[in-house]
Amino acid sequence: MPSVGIIGAGAAGLVAAKILLDDNFIVTSFDRQNDIGGIWSKQYAYYDLHDQSSGGTLEFSDLHDGQAGPSTLSNEQREEPLKSERNN
């Protein structure tokens, strides 16, 4: 099996890892933080950070972020789908 390293475990890095895993690659992700989530990680996000993008921006095909209501999400609300995807 081919192997690949992905630098960054934010939304883009997680999507890349998911696609490559689905294609039977051996994937190793590297990130300077202790946890996944990129700018949405509690380690990195500043207090009271909110997302102003429309719902579904960071959804995965097998995990929906569930946003149908407010047009902004706190960093905790945005981080949760990313952490859930790690387990899929």
N, C-alpha and C. Protein backbone atom coordinates (compact mmCIF):
# COMPACT_ATOMS: atom_id res chain seq x y z
N MET A 1 0.84 -1.18 0.00
CA MET A 1 0.00 0.00 0.00
C MET A 1 0.88 1.24 0.00
N PRO A 2 0.51 2.25 -0.78
CA PRO A 2 1.27 3.50 -0.75
C PRO A 2 1.01 4.24 0.56
N SER A 3 2.00 5.03 0.96
CA SER A 3 1.83 5.81 2.19
C SER A 3 2.07 7.28 1.88
N VAL A 4 1.48 8.13 2.71
CA VAL A 4 1.57 9.57 2.51
C VAL A 4 1.55 10.25 3.87
N GLY A 5 2.24 11.38 3.98
CA GLY A 5 2.19 12.21 5.17
C GLY A 5 1.44 13.49 4.86
N ILE A 6 0.59 13.90 5.77
CA ILE A 6 -0.19 15.12 5.60
C ILE A 6 0.22 16.09 6.69
N ILE A 7 0.60 17.29 6.28
CA ILE A 7 0.99 18.32 7.24
C ILE A 7 -0.22 19.19 7.51
N GLY A 8 -0.67 19.18 8.75
CA GLY A 8 -1.82 19.95 9.16
C GLY A 8 -3.03 19.07 9.40
N ALA A 9 -3.65 19.22 10.57
CA ALA A 9 -4.83 18.43 10.92
C ALA A 9 -6.04 19.33 11.13
N GLY A 10 -6.11 20.38 10.32
CA GLY A 10 -7.31 21.21 10.30
C GLY A 10 -8.31 20.61 9.32
N ALA A 11 -9.29 21.40 8.94
CA ALA A 11 -10.35 20.90 8.06
C ALA A 11 -9.79 20.34 6.75
N ALA A 12 -8.89 21.05 6.09
CA ALA A 12 -8.35 20.59 4.81
C ALA A 12 -7.51 19.33 4.98
N GLY A 13 -6.70 19.27 6.03
CA GLY A 13 -5.90 18.08 6.28
C GLY A 13 -6.74 16.86 6.58
N LEU A 14 -7.84 17.05 7.31
CA LEU A 14 -8.73 15.94 7.62
C LEU A 14 -9.44 15.43 6.37
N VAL A 15 -9.84 16.35 5.50
CA VAL A 15 -10.48 15.94 4.25
C VAL A 15 -9.49 15.15 3.40
N ALA A 16 -8.26 15.65 3.30
CA ALA A 16 -7.24 14.93 2.53
C ALA A 16 -7.00 13.54 3.10
N ALA A 17 -6.90 13.44 4.43
CA ALA A 17 -6.69 12.13 5.07
C ALA A 17 -7.85 11.19 4.78
N LYS A 18 -9.07 11.70 4.88
CA LYS A 18 -10.25 10.87 4.64
C LYS A 18 -10.27 10.32 3.21
N ILE A 19 -9.99 11.17 2.25
CA ILE A 19 -10.00 10.74 0.85
C ILE A 19 -8.91 9.69 0.61
N LEU A 20 -7.72 9.94 1.13
CA LEU A 20 -6.62 9.00 0.93
C LEU A 20 -6.87 7.68 1.64
N LEU A 21 -7.43 7.72 2.84
CA LEU A 21 -7.76 6.47 3.54
C LEU A 21 -8.80 5.67 2.77
N ASP A 22 -9.79 6.38 2.21
CA ASP A 22 -10.80 5.70 1.39
C ASP A 22 -10.19 5.04 0.15
N ASP A 23 -9.05 5.58 -0.30
CA ASP A 23 -8.35 5.01 -1.46
C ASP A 23 -7.22 4.06 -1.04
N ASN A 24 -7.28 3.59 0.20
CA ASN A 24 -6.36 2.58 0.73
C ASN A 24 -4.91 3.03 0.87
N PHE A 25 -4.68 4.30 1.15
CA PHE A 25 -3.35 4.78 1.47
C PHE A 25 -3.11 4.59 2.96
N ILE A 26 -1.85 4.45 3.34
CA ILE A 26 -1.46 4.53 4.75
C ILE A 26 -1.18 6.00 5.01
N VAL A 27 -1.93 6.60 5.93
CA VAL A 27 -1.87 8.04 6.15
C VAL A 27 -1.29 8.35 7.53
N THR A 28 -0.34 9.27 7.55
CA THR A 28 0.18 9.81 8.80
C THR A 28 -0.01 11.32 8.75
N SER A 29 -0.69 11.87 9.75
CA SER A 29 -0.92 13.31 9.81
C SER A 29 0.02 13.93 10.83
N PHE A 30 0.54 15.10 10.49
CA PHE A 30 1.42 15.84 11.38
C PHE A 30 0.81 17.21 11.64
N ASP A 31 0.85 17.64 12.88
CA ASP A 31 0.36 18.97 13.22
C ASP A 31 1.17 19.49 14.39
N ARG A 32 1.41 20.79 14.43
CA ARG A 32 2.21 21.35 15.52
C ARG A 32 1.43 21.42 16.83
N GLN A 33 0.11 21.30 16.75
CA GLN A 33 -0.72 21.31 17.95
C GLN A 33 -0.89 19.90 18.48
N ASN A 34 -1.37 19.80 19.70
CA ASN A 34 -1.61 18.49 20.32
C ASN A 34 -2.93 17.87 19.91
N ASP A 35 -3.78 18.62 19.24
CA ASP A 35 -5.10 18.14 18.89
C ASP A 35 -5.44 18.55 17.46
N ILE A 36 -6.48 17.93 16.91
CA ILE A 36 -6.90 18.28 15.56
C ILE A 36 -7.84 19.48 15.58
N GLY A 37 -8.09 20.06 14.43
CA GLY A 37 -9.06 21.14 14.33
C GLY A 37 -8.53 22.41 13.73
N GLY A 38 -7.21 22.53 13.58
CA GLY A 38 -6.65 23.75 13.00
C GLY A 38 -7.04 24.98 13.80
N ILE A 39 -7.53 26.01 13.10
CA ILE A 39 -7.89 27.26 13.79
C ILE A 39 -9.08 27.09 14.72
N TRP A 40 -9.82 25.97 14.59
CA TRP A 40 -10.98 25.73 15.45
C TRP A 40 -10.61 24.96 16.71
N SER A 41 -9.38 24.55 16.83
CA SER A 41 -8.92 23.84 18.03
C SER A 41 -8.94 24.79 19.22
N LYS A 42 -9.30 24.28 20.38
CA LYS A 42 -9.33 25.12 21.59
C LYS A 42 -7.95 25.65 21.93
N GLN A 43 -6.90 24.96 21.52
CA GLN A 43 -5.54 25.42 21.78
C GLN A 43 -5.20 26.66 20.95
N TYR A 44 -5.81 26.80 19.80
CA TYR A 44 -5.43 27.83 18.85
C TYR A 44 -6.44 28.97 18.76
N ALA A 45 -7.71 28.66 18.89
CA ALA A 45 -8.76 29.66 18.70
C ALA A 45 -8.73 30.69 19.83
N TYR A 46 -8.94 31.92 19.47
CA TYR A 46 -9.03 32.95 20.50
C TYR A 46 -10.42 32.93 21.13
N TYR A 47 -10.51 33.46 22.32
CA TYR A 47 -11.77 33.48 23.05
C TYR A 47 -12.84 34.15 22.20
N ASP A 48 -14.01 33.56 22.16
CA ASP A 48 -15.19 34.10 21.47
C ASP A 48 -15.05 34.13 19.95
N LEU A 49 -14.21 33.25 19.39
CA LEU A 49 -14.11 33.12 17.94
C LEU A 49 -15.41 32.55 17.39
N HIS A 50 -15.95 33.15 16.33
CA HIS A 50 -17.16 32.66 15.68
C HIS A 50 -16.93 32.53 14.18
N ASP A 51 -17.56 31.54 13.60
CA ASP A 51 -17.53 31.28 12.17
C ASP A 51 -18.68 32.04 11.53
N GLN A 52 -18.40 32.77 10.46
CA GLN A 52 -19.46 33.51 9.77
C GLN A 52 -19.79 32.92 8.41
N SER A 53 -19.31 31.72 8.14
CA SER A 53 -19.61 31.10 6.86
C SER A 53 -20.95 30.40 6.92
N SER A 54 -21.47 30.10 5.75
CA SER A 54 -22.78 29.46 5.70
C SER A 54 -22.70 28.01 6.17
N GLY A 55 -23.83 27.48 6.58
CA GLY A 55 -23.91 26.11 7.09
C GLY A 55 -23.44 25.10 6.06
N GLY A 56 -22.83 24.04 6.56
CA GLY A 56 -22.38 22.97 5.70
C GLY A 56 -20.98 23.14 5.15
N THR A 57 -20.33 24.25 5.45
CA THR A 57 -19.00 24.51 4.89
C THR A 57 -18.00 23.44 5.28
N LEU A 58 -18.06 22.98 6.51
CA LEU A 58 -17.10 21.97 6.98
C LEU A 58 -17.76 20.63 7.21
N GLU A 59 -18.80 20.33 6.45
CA GLU A 59 -19.44 19.02 6.57
C GLU A 59 -18.63 17.96 5.84
N PHE A 60 -18.77 16.74 6.29
CA PHE A 60 -18.18 15.60 5.61
C PHE A 60 -19.32 14.77 5.04
N SER A 61 -19.03 13.96 4.04
CA SER A 61 -20.08 13.19 3.39
C SER A 61 -20.79 12.24 4.35
N ASP A 62 -20.09 11.78 5.36
CA ASP A 62 -20.70 10.86 6.32
C ASP A 62 -20.91 11.48 7.70
N LEU A 63 -20.73 12.80 7.81
CA LEU A 63 -20.92 13.48 9.09
C LEU A 63 -21.35 14.91 8.81
N HIS A 64 -22.59 15.22 9.10
CA HIS A 64 -23.11 16.57 8.87
C HIS A 64 -22.92 17.40 10.12
N ASP A 65 -22.63 18.70 9.92
CA ASP A 65 -22.39 19.54 11.09
C ASP A 65 -23.69 19.96 11.77
N GLY A 66 -24.82 19.66 11.18
CA GLY A 66 -26.11 19.89 11.83
C GLY A 66 -26.54 21.34 11.87
N GLN A 67 -25.80 22.22 11.22
CA GLN A 67 -26.17 23.62 11.29
C GLN A 67 -27.28 23.93 10.31
N ALA A 68 -28.42 24.31 10.85
CA ALA A 68 -29.53 24.73 10.01
C ALA A 68 -30.07 26.05 10.49
N GLY A 69 -29.65 26.48 11.67
CA GLY A 69 -30.20 27.67 12.27
C GLY A 69 -29.31 28.89 12.15
N PRO A 70 -28.54 29.19 13.19
CA PRO A 70 -27.79 30.45 13.21
C PRO A 70 -26.73 30.51 12.12
N SER A 71 -26.44 31.74 11.67
CA SER A 71 -25.44 31.90 10.61
C SER A 71 -24.03 31.97 11.15
N THR A 72 -23.87 31.98 12.47
CA THR A 72 -22.54 31.95 13.06
C THR A 72 -22.46 30.82 14.07
N LEU A 73 -21.26 30.25 14.19
CA LEU A 73 -21.01 29.19 15.15
C LEU A 73 -19.81 29.56 15.99
N SER A 74 -19.83 29.20 17.26
CA SER A 74 -18.67 29.42 18.11
C SER A 74 -17.58 28.43 17.74
N ASN A 75 -16.36 28.68 18.21
CA ASN A 75 -15.29 27.74 17.88
C ASN A 75 -15.57 26.36 18.46
N GLU A 76 -16.24 26.26 19.62
CA GLU A 76 -16.58 24.95 20.17
C GLU A 76 -17.57 24.21 19.27
N GLN A 77 -18.56 24.93 18.74
CA GLN A 77 -19.54 24.32 17.84
C GLN A 77 -18.90 23.89 16.52
N ARG A 78 -17.95 24.66 16.03
CA ARG A 78 -17.29 24.35 14.77
C ARG A 78 -16.29 23.21 14.95
N GLU A 79 -15.66 23.14 16.12
CA GLU A 79 -14.63 22.12 16.37
C GLU A 79 -15.23 20.72 16.52
N GLU A 80 -16.44 20.61 17.04
CA GLU A 80 -17.04 19.31 17.34
C GLU A 80 -17.13 18.37 16.13
N PRO A 81 -17.63 18.82 14.95
CA PRO A 81 -17.66 17.89 13.81
C PRO A 81 -16.27 17.43 13.38
N LEU A 82 -15.27 18.29 13.52
CA LEU A 82 -13.92 17.90 13.15
C LEU A 82 -13.40 16.79 14.05
N LYS A 83 -13.67 16.92 15.35
CA LYS A 83 -13.24 15.88 16.29
C LYS A 83 -14.03 14.59 16.07
N SER A 84 -15.30 14.71 15.73
CA SER A 84 -16.11 13.52 15.48
C SER A 84 -15.61 12.78 14.24
N GLU A 85 -15.17 13.52 13.24
CA GLU A 85 -14.69 12.90 12.00
C GLU A 85 -13.44 12.06 12.26
N ARG A 86 -12.64 12.46 13.24
CA ARG A 86 -11.44 11.70 13.56
C ARG A 86 -11.79 10.26 13.91
N ASN A 87 -12.95 10.04 14.49
CA ASN A 87 -13.36 8.71 14.92
C ASN A 87 -14.01 7.90 13.81
N ASN A 88 -14.27 8.50 12.65
CA ASN A 88 -14.93 7.78 11.54
C ASN A 88 -13.92 7.16 10.61
